[in-house]
Amino acid sequence: MNSIATPPVFETHLRGLPLIHRGKVRDVYGLSDSLMLIVTTDRLSAFDVILPDPIPRKGEVLTKISNFWFAKTAHIAANHLTSHRIEEFITDPIELALLKDRAIVVQRLRALPVEAVVRGYLIGSGWKDYQATGAVCGVPLPAGLTQADRLPEPIFTPATKAAVGDHDENVSFDTVAATIGLSRANEIRETALRLYAYAANYALSRGIIIADTKFEFGIDAQDRLILIDEALTPDSSRFWPVAHYAPGKSPPSFDKQYVRDYLETLDWNKKAPGPRLPADVIQRTGDNYLAALKLLTQT
């Protein structure tokens, strides 16, 4: 991201709006009983720790990618976007400039306590799990797979939704079913797998492999399942360039894996506070995010 018009946004403090939640990346404000304002900041988390250095314009890129996918997958899953514009609720010109391209007005829903993770390739914690057990999160896989191999078919490996500062934990499908009910758990699994299959096929045509991703869902007043938070971004997914993919090694990526790889070289216990990032790591990470946006959305 070479041209930066405004300073990076690490944290927001909007006047006149109640802060509902400050997550790892997003600040959420209440607008009414039925509406919320989600602001995607430039914060970056790695290993579930918020790092002290923001990535300039990252929030804008994530918002544009999510909105792109929300529109493209609306035939598969309803999402939390509304037709409301932020100007209906924010009038201060300084705040409007701060929020430009990084804030959306969404439905206020009941979030479900599940990270709907879908894996299409054998990488990360899944690769470590497979090496130790021959399975990923309890899902048996064929013997002889190598790192970054494409799986015979995508698998659903849910996780808990942890609080800021805590680590998400992989759980079994039965645990999810016991928490939210079997019918709803099946609906989430089927919807997540359909979303991933559609998006992975499209991204592949644009030169990106979506190795894995996670979705979050909520329930509206009519008890319908709604896709919320973000969708298929470099923050919630592993994006690999097709041109550099080869099974047997961890490919380069468009996501924050570049930051994780740098952090793995440090003597850091993966607990807060996180270490500062060098300028070149910040720049490279921002460039990676912007490259993903351009590949996915430019005609």
Protein backbone atom coordinates (compact mmCIF):
# COMPACT_ATOMS: atom_id res chain seq x y z
CA MET A 1 0.00 0.00 0.00
CA ASN A 2 2.20 2.75 -1.26
CA SER A 3 -0.03 5.81 -1.01
CA ILE A 4 -1.46 6.49 2.43
CA ALA A 5 -3.94 9.37 2.52
CA THR A 6 -4.74 9.13 6.22
CA PRO A 7 -2.90 7.85 9.29
CA PRO A 8 -3.55 4.22 10.23
CA VAL A 9 -6.53 3.62 12.51
CA PHE A 10 -5.58 1.56 15.54
CA GLU A 11 -8.62 2.29 17.71
CA THR A 12 -11.78 4.36 17.36
CA HIS A 13 -13.66 6.45 19.91
CA LEU A 14 -16.84 7.69 18.29
CA ARG A 15 -18.78 10.36 20.13
CA GLY A 16 -22.43 9.74 20.89
CA LEU A 17 -22.41 6.03 20.07
CA PRO A 18 -22.17 3.26 22.67
CA LEU A 19 -19.24 0.87 22.17
CA ILE A 20 -20.62 -2.67 22.25
CA HIS A 21 -17.40 -4.57 21.66
CA ARG A 22 -13.78 -4.01 20.79
CA GLY A 23 -12.42 -7.15 19.16
CA LYS A 24 -9.04 -8.06 17.76
CA VAL A 25 -9.67 -6.01 14.63
CA ARG A 26 -13.20 -4.55 14.76
CA ASP A 27 -14.83 -1.90 16.92
CA VAL A 28 -18.61 -2.38 17.16
CA TYR A 29 -21.03 0.40 18.12
CA GLY A 30 -24.75 0.34 18.78
CA LEU A 31 -26.98 2.42 16.50
CA SER A 32 -30.40 1.13 17.56
CA ASP A 33 -32.05 -2.01 18.87
CA SER A 34 -31.76 -3.51 15.38
CA LEU A 35 -28.62 -1.92 13.90
CA MET A 36 -24.89 -1.78 14.66
CA LEU A 37 -21.89 0.01 13.18
CA ILE A 38 -18.86 -2.20 12.53
CA VAL A 39 -15.56 -0.38 12.08
CA THR A 40 -12.68 -2.45 10.73
CA THR A 41 -9.49 -0.94 12.11
CA ASP A 42 -5.91 -1.43 10.95
CA ARG A 43 -5.09 -3.57 13.98
CA LEU A 44 -3.36 -6.87 13.30
CA SER A 45 -3.53 -9.91 15.54
CA ALA A 46 -1.25 -12.91 15.36
CA PHE A 47 -1.43 -15.99 17.59
CA ASP A 48 -4.52 -14.31 19.10
CA VAL A 49 -2.46 -11.34 20.32
CA ILE A 50 -3.11 -7.81 19.07
CA LEU A 51 0.19 -6.40 17.84
CA PRO A 52 1.15 -2.81 18.70
CA ASP A 53 1.74 -1.75 15.08
CA PRO A 54 -1.23 -1.29 12.72
CA ILE A 55 -1.07 -2.04 9.00
CA PRO A 56 -2.06 1.17 7.17
CA ARG A 57 -5.33 0.87 5.19
CA LYS A 58 -5.74 -2.78 6.16
CA GLY A 59 -9.24 -2.09 7.48
CA GLU A 60 -10.31 -0.58 4.18
CA VAL A 61 -9.02 -3.58 2.26
CA LEU A 62 -10.71 -6.08 4.58
CA THR A 63 -14.01 -4.20 4.34
CA LYS A 64 -13.89 -4.12 0.54
CA ILE A 65 -13.03 -7.82 0.31
CA SER A 66 -15.77 -8.81 2.76
CA ASN A 67 -18.38 -6.69 1.00
CA PHE A 68 -17.33 -8.21 -2.32
CA TRP A 69 -17.88 -11.72 -0.98
CA PHE A 70 -21.12 -10.81 0.83
CA ALA A 71 -22.54 -9.69 -2.51
CA LYS A 72 -21.15 -12.63 -4.43
CA THR A 73 -22.39 -15.30 -2.00
CA ALA A 74 -25.82 -13.88 -1.14
CA HIS A 75 -27.43 -16.73 -3.09
CA ILE A 76 -25.84 -19.19 -0.63
CA ALA A 77 -26.24 -17.38 2.69
CA ALA A 78 -28.00 -14.24 3.84
CA ASN A 79 -25.58 -11.77 5.43
CA HIS A 80 -25.73 -8.97 7.97
CA LEU A 81 -25.30 -6.02 5.57
CA THR A 82 -28.06 -3.41 5.35
CA SER A 83 -28.83 -0.66 2.85
CA HIS A 84 -28.16 2.03 5.47
CA ARG A 85 -25.26 4.44 4.90
CA ILE A 86 -23.01 5.58 7.72
CA GLU A 87 -23.91 9.22 6.91
CA GLU A 88 -27.37 8.52 8.34
CA PHE A 89 -25.82 8.11 11.78
CA ILE A 90 -22.49 9.96 11.67
CA THR A 91 -22.47 13.68 10.86
CA ASP A 92 -19.10 14.84 12.16
CA PRO A 93 -16.84 15.34 9.11
CA ILE A 94 -13.73 14.23 11.00
CA GLU A 95 -15.38 10.98 12.06
CA LEU A 96 -16.78 10.43 8.58
CA ALA A 97 -13.30 10.80 7.11
CA LEU A 98 -11.96 8.34 9.70
CA LEU A 99 -14.66 5.80 8.87
CA LYS A 100 -14.58 6.13 5.08
CA ASP A 101 -14.39 2.71 3.39
CA ARG A 102 -13.91 0.90 6.70
CA ALA A 103 -17.34 1.11 8.41
CA ILE A 104 -20.59 -0.68 7.61
CA VAL A 105 -24.10 -0.60 9.07
CA VAL A 106 -25.29 -4.12 9.83
CA GLN A 107 -28.16 -5.97 11.45
CA ARG A 108 -27.91 -6.46 15.19
CA LEU A 109 -28.11 -10.23 15.59
CA ARG A 110 -27.51 -12.94 18.16
CA ALA A 111 -24.02 -14.26 17.39
CA LEU A 112 -23.46 -18.00 17.67
CA PRO A 113 -20.41 -19.11 19.72
CA VAL A 114 -18.83 -21.09 16.87
CA GLU A 115 -15.93 -20.48 14.51
CA ALA A 116 -17.03 -22.31 11.35
CA VAL A 117 -13.63 -23.36 10.01
CA VAL A 118 -13.35 -25.05 6.61
CA ARG A 119 -10.06 -26.54 5.44
CA GLY A 120 -9.33 -27.44 1.84
CA TYR A 121 -5.58 -27.97 2.17
CA LEU A 122 -3.29 -29.54 4.76
CA ILE A 123 -1.41 -26.69 6.41
CA GLY A 124 -0.82 -24.94 9.74
CA SER A 125 -2.18 -26.63 12.85
CA GLY A 126 -3.99 -29.11 10.59
CA TRP A 127 -0.68 -30.34 9.18
CA LYS A 128 0.76 -30.72 12.70
CA ASP A 129 -2.36 -32.58 13.82
CA TYR A 130 -2.21 -34.89 10.79
CA GLN A 131 1.45 -35.71 11.40
CA ALA A 132 0.66 -36.70 14.97
CA THR A 133 -2.69 -38.46 14.52
CA GLY A 134 -3.41 -39.08 10.83
CA ALA A 135 -6.46 -36.85 11.25
CA VAL A 136 -7.30 -33.14 11.45
CA CYS A 137 -9.44 -32.16 14.41
CA GLY A 138 -10.63 -35.75 14.63
CA VAL A 139 -11.49 -36.03 10.92
CA PRO A 140 -9.55 -39.05 9.52
CA LEU A 141 -7.55 -38.43 6.34
CA PRO A 142 -5.77 -40.79 3.91
CA ALA A 143 -2.22 -41.79 4.75
CA GLY A 144 0.72 -40.34 2.84
CA LEU A 145 -0.42 -36.73 2.48
CA THR A 146 2.27 -34.05 2.49
CA GLN A 147 2.33 -30.48 3.74
CA ALA A 148 0.05 -28.16 1.72
CA ASP A 149 -1.61 -31.06 -0.10
CA ARG A 150 -5.12 -30.48 -1.32
CA LEU A 151 -7.52 -32.57 0.74
CA PRO A 152 -9.72 -35.16 -1.00
CA GLU A 153 -12.63 -32.88 -0.10
CA PRO A 154 -12.95 -29.83 2.17
CA ILE A 155 -13.55 -30.61 5.85
CA PHE A 156 -15.45 -28.74 8.55
CA THR A 157 -13.39 -28.32 11.73
CA PRO A 158 -15.20 -25.99 14.13
CA ALA A 159 -13.61 -24.03 16.95
CA THR A 160 -14.79 -22.06 19.93
CA LYS A 161 -15.16 -18.29 19.69
CA ALA A 162 -12.64 -17.03 22.25
CA ALA A 163 -12.56 -13.66 23.98
CA VAL A 164 -9.87 -11.13 23.02
CA GLY A 165 -6.55 -12.35 24.40
CA ASP A 166 -7.67 -15.97 24.62
CA HIS A 167 -7.04 -18.69 22.06
CA ASP A 168 -9.75 -20.29 19.94
CA GLU A 169 -9.88 -24.02 20.58
CA ASN A 170 -10.77 -26.73 18.09
CA VAL A 171 -13.84 -28.70 19.12
CA SER A 172 -15.71 -31.68 17.72
CA PHE A 173 -18.88 -31.38 15.69
CA ASP A 174 -20.68 -33.19 18.52
CA THR A 175 -19.60 -30.45 20.92
CA VAL A 176 -21.04 -27.81 18.60
CA ALA A 177 -24.27 -29.79 18.28
CA ALA A 178 -24.53 -30.08 22.07
CA THR A 179 -24.05 -26.31 22.39
CA ILE A 180 -26.41 -24.96 19.71
CA GLY A 181 -28.47 -27.99 18.68
CA LEU A 182 -27.91 -30.65 16.01
CA SER A 183 -30.12 -29.04 13.36
CA ARG A 184 -28.38 -25.67 13.64
CA ALA A 185 -24.95 -27.30 13.74
CA ASN A 186 -25.75 -29.20 10.53
CA GLU A 187 -26.99 -26.00 8.90
CA ILE A 188 -23.77 -24.18 9.80
CA ARG A 189 -21.60 -27.02 8.51
CA GLU A 190 -23.48 -27.31 5.22
CA THR A 191 -23.56 -23.54 4.68
CA ALA A 192 -19.87 -23.10 5.50
CA LEU A 193 -18.86 -25.88 3.13
CA ARG A 194 -21.00 -24.43 0.32
CA LEU A 195 -19.57 -20.96 0.86
CA TYR A 196 -16.03 -22.28 0.82
CA ALA A 197 -16.55 -24.41 -2.30
CA TYR A 198 -18.04 -21.50 -4.24
CA ALA A 199 -15.41 -18.97 -3.11
CA ALA A 200 -12.48 -21.33 -3.59
CA ASN A 201 -13.56 -22.08 -7.15
CA TYR A 202 -13.93 -18.38 -7.98
CA ALA A 203 -10.64 -17.39 -6.31
CA LEU A 204 -8.81 -20.14 -8.21
CA SER A 205 -9.94 -18.54 -11.46
CA ARG A 206 -8.32 -15.31 -10.24
CA GLY A 207 -4.99 -16.89 -9.29
CA ILE A 208 -5.63 -17.42 -5.57
CA ILE A 209 -5.91 -20.68 -3.65
CA ILE A 210 -8.05 -20.34 -0.52
CA ALA A 211 -6.40 -23.00 1.61
CA ASP A 212 -8.75 -22.57 4.55
CA THR A 213 -11.10 -20.02 6.04
CA LYS A 214 -13.46 -19.37 8.92
CA PHE A 215 -16.98 -17.98 9.01
CA GLU A 216 -19.12 -16.63 11.81
CA PHE A 217 -22.90 -16.74 11.93
CA GLY A 218 -25.73 -15.12 13.83
CA ILE A 219 -29.46 -15.62 14.20
CA ASP A 220 -32.05 -12.98 13.33
CA ALA A 221 -35.48 -12.39 14.87
CA GLN A 222 -37.00 -14.97 12.52
CA ASP A 223 -34.43 -17.58 13.65
CA ARG A 224 -32.65 -17.52 10.29
CA LEU A 225 -28.95 -18.21 9.94
CA ILE A 226 -27.06 -15.07 8.87
CA LEU A 227 -23.41 -14.72 7.82
CA ILE A 228 -21.76 -12.02 9.98
CA ASP A 229 -18.41 -10.40 10.85
CA GLU A 230 -16.12 -10.80 7.81
CA ALA A 231 -16.02 -13.17 4.87
CA LEU A 232 -13.09 -14.78 3.07
CA THR A 233 -10.50 -12.11 3.83
CA PRO A 234 -6.72 -12.47 4.29
CA ASP A 235 -7.39 -12.12 8.04
CA SER A 236 -9.81 -15.05 8.20
CA SER A 237 -8.27 -17.22 5.49
CA ARG A 238 -5.03 -18.49 4.01
CA PHE A 239 -4.61 -17.09 0.49
CA TRP A 240 -1.88 -18.64 -1.67
CA PRO A 241 -0.80 -17.51 -5.14
CA VAL A 242 -1.51 -20.30 -7.62
CA ALA A 243 1.72 -19.56 -9.48
CA HIS A 244 3.87 -20.41 -6.46
CA TYR A 245 1.93 -23.40 -5.09
CA ALA A 246 3.65 -26.76 -4.78
CA PRO A 247 2.71 -29.57 -2.37
CA GLY A 248 5.37 -30.48 0.16
CA LYS A 249 6.15 -26.98 1.43
CA SER A 250 4.35 -24.01 2.91
CA PRO A 251 3.59 -21.65 0.00
CA PRO A 252 4.01 -17.87 0.12
CA SER A 253 0.74 -16.14 0.96
CA PHE A 254 -1.32 -12.98 0.60
CA ASP A 255 -2.40 -13.12 4.22
CA LYS A 256 -0.82 -12.45 7.60
CA GLN A 257 1.25 -15.62 7.45
CA TYR A 258 4.13 -13.35 6.49
CA VAL A 259 3.83 -11.71 9.93
CA ARG A 260 3.49 -15.07 11.68
CA ASP A 261 6.66 -16.31 9.97
CA TYR A 262 8.54 -13.21 11.13
CA LEU A 263 7.24 -13.60 14.69
CA GLU A 264 8.36 -17.24 14.77
CA THR A 265 11.95 -16.01 14.40
CA LEU A 266 11.69 -14.02 17.65
CA ASP A 267 12.13 -15.06 21.25
CA TRP A 268 8.48 -14.37 22.07
CA ASN A 269 6.09 -16.52 24.12
CA LYS A 270 3.04 -15.61 21.97
CA LYS A 271 1.44 -13.77 24.87
CA ALA A 272 0.58 -10.09 25.21
CA PRO A 273 2.17 -7.68 24.79
CA GLY A 274 3.11 -8.44 21.22
CA PRO A 275 6.43 -7.33 19.73
CA ARG A 276 6.86 -4.30 17.46
CA LEU A 277 7.02 -4.96 13.73
CA PRO A 278 9.83 -3.63 11.50
CA ALA A 279 8.82 -1.13 8.82
CA ASP A 280 9.55 -3.59 6.00
CA VAL A 281 7.27 -6.24 7.54
CA ILE A 282 4.47 -3.67 7.88
CA GLN A 283 4.92 -2.56 4.26
CA ARG A 284 5.10 -6.10 2.87
CA THR A 285 2.02 -7.17 4.80
CA GLY A 286 0.02 -4.21 3.53
CA ASP A 287 1.15 -4.89 -0.01
CA ASN A 288 0.05 -8.53 0.31
CA TYR A 289 -3.44 -7.54 1.44
CA LEU A 290 -3.81 -5.05 -1.37
CA ALA A 291 -2.61 -7.61 -3.94
CA ALA A 292 -5.33 -10.03 -2.81
CA LEU A 293 -8.00 -7.33 -3.16
CA LYS A 294 -6.88 -6.46 -6.68
CA LEU A 295 -6.73 -10.07 -7.86
CA LEU A 296 -10.18 -10.88 -6.50
CA THR A 297 -12.09 -7.78 -7.50
CA GLN A 298 -10.52 -6.13 -10.54
CA THR A 299 -12.16 -6.87 -13.86
